[in-house]
Amino acid sequence: MDIVRDARLAEGLTQAQLARRLGITQPSVARLEAAGDEVSVATLQRALNAMGRTLVLRTRKQPSSVDEPQVRELLRLTPGERLELHDRSYPELRAWANEAQAAVARVA
């Protein structure tokens, strides 16, 4: 796990030195560093504590995957205007989708 490896290297420790601090073997530290997302928060905190560090977790709002300005613009239209827009756009979108489908079929 990069967090453990980065902290260990910042502290100037070898895997063997960190292992001694944790009371585990050097191969166990190597597995911990290679574990990726499979490390529990408690294990991560324990390893960091052995190096005089702490784990700080934060959350942040993910950006929307929806084009909100476009949605607002479309909602300003009446239902009839939205249907007209759809009817005008559909043939072009259908042609694009068919081209993309054909391109994927050629690659596969």
C-alpha atoms as a PDB file:
ATOM      1  CA  MET A   1       0.000   0.000   0.000  1.00  0.00           C
ATOM      2  CA  ASP A   2       1.494   3.311  -1.063  1.00  0.00           C
ATOM      3  CA  ILE A   3       0.471   5.035   2.174  1.00  0.00           C
ATOM      4  CA  VAL A   4       2.519   2.635   4.296  1.00  0.00           C
ATOM      5  CA  ARG A   5       5.433   2.523   1.851  1.00  0.00           C
ATOM      6  CA  ASP A   6       5.506   6.310   1.464  1.00  0.00           C
ATOM      7  CA  ALA A   7       5.389   6.832   5.244  1.00  0.00           C
ATOM      8  CA  ARG A   8       8.097   4.203   5.813  1.00  0.00           C
ATOM      9  CA  LEU A   9      10.387   5.778   3.232  1.00  0.00           C
ATOM     10  CA  ALA A  10       9.728   9.281   4.619  1.00  0.00           C
ATOM     11  CA  GLU A  11      10.787   8.011   8.054  1.00  0.00           C
ATOM     12  CA  GLY A  12      13.914   6.447   6.559  1.00  0.00           C
ATOM     13  CA  LEU A  13      12.926   2.948   7.652  1.00  0.00           C
ATOM     14  CA  THR A  14      13.522  -0.365   5.946  1.00  0.00           C
ATOM     15  CA  GLN A  15      10.794  -2.972   5.807  1.00  0.00           C
ATOM     16  CA  ALA A  16      12.746  -4.973   8.398  1.00  0.00           C
ATOM     17  CA  GLN A  17      12.904  -2.003  10.789  1.00  0.00           C
ATOM     18  CA  LEU A  18       9.178  -1.358  10.455  1.00  0.00           C
ATOM     19  CA  ALA A  19       8.519  -5.070  10.957  1.00  0.00           C
ATOM     20  CA  ARG A  20      10.425  -5.008  14.260  1.00  0.00           C
ATOM     21  CA  ARG A  21       8.371  -2.023  15.433  1.00  0.00           C
ATOM     22  CA  LEU A  22       5.162  -3.846  14.547  1.00  0.00           C
ATOM     23  CA  GLY A  23       6.272  -7.208  15.936  1.00  0.00           C
ATOM     24  CA  ILE A  24       5.842  -8.926  12.568  1.00  0.00           C
ATOM     25  CA  THR A  25       8.185 -10.255   9.891  1.00  0.00           C
ATOM     26  CA  GLN A  26       9.675  -8.298   6.987  1.00  0.00           C
ATOM     27  CA  PRO A  27       7.721 -10.391   4.440  1.00  0.00           C
ATOM     28  CA  SER A  28       4.539  -9.396   6.305  1.00  0.00           C
ATOM     29  CA  VAL A  29       5.415  -5.728   5.821  1.00  0.00           C
ATOM     30  CA  ALA A  30       6.070  -6.417   2.133  1.00  0.00           C
ATOM     31  CA  ARG A  31       2.614  -8.041   1.858  1.00  0.00           C
ATOM     32  CA  LEU A  32       1.057  -5.099   3.697  1.00  0.00           C
ATOM     33  CA  GLU A  33       2.653  -2.664   1.258  1.00  0.00           C
ATOM     34  CA  ALA A  34       1.513  -4.753  -1.718  1.00  0.00           C
ATOM     35  CA  ALA A  35      -2.026  -5.320  -0.435  1.00  0.00           C
ATOM     36  CA  GLY A  36      -3.587  -2.296  -2.147  1.00  0.00           C
ATOM     37  CA  ASP A  37      -7.226  -1.850  -1.170  1.00  0.00           C
ATOM     38  CA  GLU A  38      -7.322  -5.010   0.926  1.00  0.00           C
ATOM     39  CA  VAL A  39      -5.869  -3.383   4.066  1.00  0.00           C
ATOM     40  CA  SER A  40      -8.257  -2.564   6.892  1.00  0.00           C
ATOM     41  CA  VAL A  41      -8.293   0.916   8.375  1.00  0.00           C
ATOM     42  CA  ALA A  42      -7.266  -0.554  11.736  1.00  0.00           C
ATOM     43  CA  THR A  43      -4.219  -2.277  10.206  1.00  0.00           C
ATOM     44  CA  LEU A  44      -3.265   0.857   8.334  1.00  0.00           C
ATOM     45  CA  GLN A  45      -3.574   2.966  11.494  1.00  0.00           C
ATOM     46  CA  ARG A  46      -1.462   0.461  13.462  1.00  0.00           C
ATOM     47  CA  ALA A  47       1.320   0.575  10.858  1.00  0.00           C
ATOM     48  CA  LEU A  48       1.251   4.366  10.741  1.00  0.00           C
ATOM     49  CA  ASN A  49       1.224   4.631  14.544  1.00  0.00           C
ATOM     50  CA  ALA A  50       4.408   2.545  14.631  1.00  0.00           C
ATOM     51  CA  MET A  51       6.029   5.313  12.606  1.00  0.00           C
ATOM     52  CA  GLY A  52       4.661   8.148  14.754  1.00  0.00           C
ATOM     53  CA  ARG A  53       1.999   9.009  12.202  1.00  0.00           C
ATOM     54  CA  THR A  54      -1.780   8.999  12.150  1.00  0.00           C
ATOM     55  CA  LEU A  55      -4.368   8.350   9.489  1.00  0.00           C
ATOM     56  CA  VAL A  56      -6.667  11.236   8.539  1.00  0.00           C
ATOM     57  CA  LEU A  57      -9.765  10.366   6.547  1.00  0.00           C
ATOM     58  CA  ARG A  58     -11.760  13.024   4.721  1.00  0.00           C
ATOM     59  CA  THR A  59     -14.753  13.022   2.479  1.00  0.00           C
ATOM     60  CA  ARG A  60     -15.533  15.300  -0.387  1.00  0.00           C
ATOM     61  CA  LYS A  61     -18.444  15.684  -2.686  1.00  0.00           C
ATOM     62  CA  GLN A  62     -17.989  14.018  -6.046  1.00  0.00           C
ATOM     63  CA  PRO A  63     -18.633  16.153  -9.066  1.00  0.00           C
ATOM     64  CA  SER A  64     -21.890  15.388 -10.795  1.00  0.00           C
ATOM     65  CA  SER A  65     -21.741  13.105 -13.811  1.00  0.00           C
ATOM     66  CA  VAL A  66     -24.769  14.922 -15.202  1.00  0.00           C
ATOM     67  CA  ASP A  67     -24.454  18.023 -17.399  1.00  0.00           C
ATOM     68  CA  GLU A  68     -26.574  20.148 -15.069  1.00  0.00           C
ATOM     69  CA  PRO A  69     -26.565  23.321 -17.213  1.00  0.00           C
ATOM     70  CA  GLN A  70     -27.848  21.260 -20.146  1.00  0.00           C
ATOM     71  CA  VAL A  71     -30.600  19.745 -18.002  1.00  0.00           C
ATOM     72  CA  ARG A  72     -31.653  23.205 -16.796  1.00  0.00           C
ATOM     73  CA  GLU A  73     -31.690  24.466 -20.389  1.00  0.00           C
ATOM     74  CA  LEU A  74     -33.840  21.552 -21.545  1.00  0.00           C
ATOM     75  CA  LEU A  75     -36.238  21.966 -18.625  1.00  0.00           C
ATOM     76  CA  ARG A  76     -36.899  25.538 -19.748  1.00  0.00           C
ATOM     77  CA  LEU A  77     -38.465  24.079 -22.911  1.00  0.00           C
ATOM     78  CA  THR A  78     -42.076  23.019 -22.998  1.00  0.00           C
ATOM     79  CA  PRO A  79     -42.744  19.280 -23.349  1.00  0.00           C
ATOM     80  CA  GLY A  80     -43.680  19.872 -26.987  1.00  0.00           C
ATOM     81  CA  GLU A  81     -40.422  21.731 -27.656  1.00  0.00           C
ATOM     82  CA  ARG A  82     -38.449  18.905 -26.074  1.00  0.00           C
ATOM     83  CA  LEU A  83     -40.224  16.378 -28.322  1.00  0.00           C
ATOM     84  CA  GLU A  84     -39.477  18.492 -31.406  1.00  0.00           C
ATOM     85  CA  LEU A  85     -35.811  18.712 -30.379  1.00  0.00           C
ATOM     86  CA  HIS A  86     -35.723  14.945 -29.924  1.00  0.00           C
ATOM     87  CA  ASP A  87     -37.330  14.321 -33.299  1.00  0.00           C
ATOM     88  CA  ARG A  88     -34.799  16.625 -35.018  1.00  0.00           C
ATOM     89  CA  SER A  89     -31.801  15.083 -33.196  1.00  0.00           C
ATOM     90  CA  TYR A  90     -32.747  11.410 -33.312  1.00  0.00           C
ATOM     91  CA  PRO A  91     -31.730  10.584 -36.919  1.00  0.00           C
ATOM     92  CA  GLU A  92     -28.276  12.111 -36.418  1.00  0.00           C
ATOM     93  CA  LEU A  93     -27.774  10.309 -33.096  1.00  0.00           C
ATOM     94  CA  ARG A  94     -29.017   7.009 -34.558  1.00  0.00           C
ATOM     95  CA  ALA A  95     -26.528   7.332 -37.462  1.00  0.00           C
ATOM     96  CA  TRP A  96     -23.702   8.063 -35.007  1.00  0.00           C
ATOM     97  CA  ALA A  97     -24.655   5.051 -32.859  1.00  0.00           C
ATOM     98  CA  ASN A  98     -24.766   2.788 -35.921  1.00  0.00           C
ATOM     99  CA  GLU A  99     -21.311   3.967 -37.008  1.00  0.00           C
ATOM    100  CA  ALA A 100     -19.916   3.365 -33.529  1.00  0.00           C
ATOM    101  CA  GLN A 101     -21.498  -0.095 -33.369  1.00  0.00           C
ATOM    102  CA  ALA A 102     -19.991  -0.987 -36.766  1.00  0.00           C
ATOM    103  CA  ALA A 103     -16.562   0.266 -35.672  1.00  0.00           C
ATOM    104  CA  VAL A 104     -16.697  -1.860 -32.527  1.00  0.00           C
ATOM    105  CA  ALA A 105     -17.736  -4.894 -34.567  1.00  0.00           C
ATOM    106  CA  ARG A 106     -14.736  -4.409 -36.901  1.00  0.00           C
ATOM    107  CA  VAL A 107     -12.344  -4.300 -33.947  1.00  0.00           C
ATOM    108  CA  ALA A 108     -13.827  -7.343 -32.206  1.00  0.00           C
END
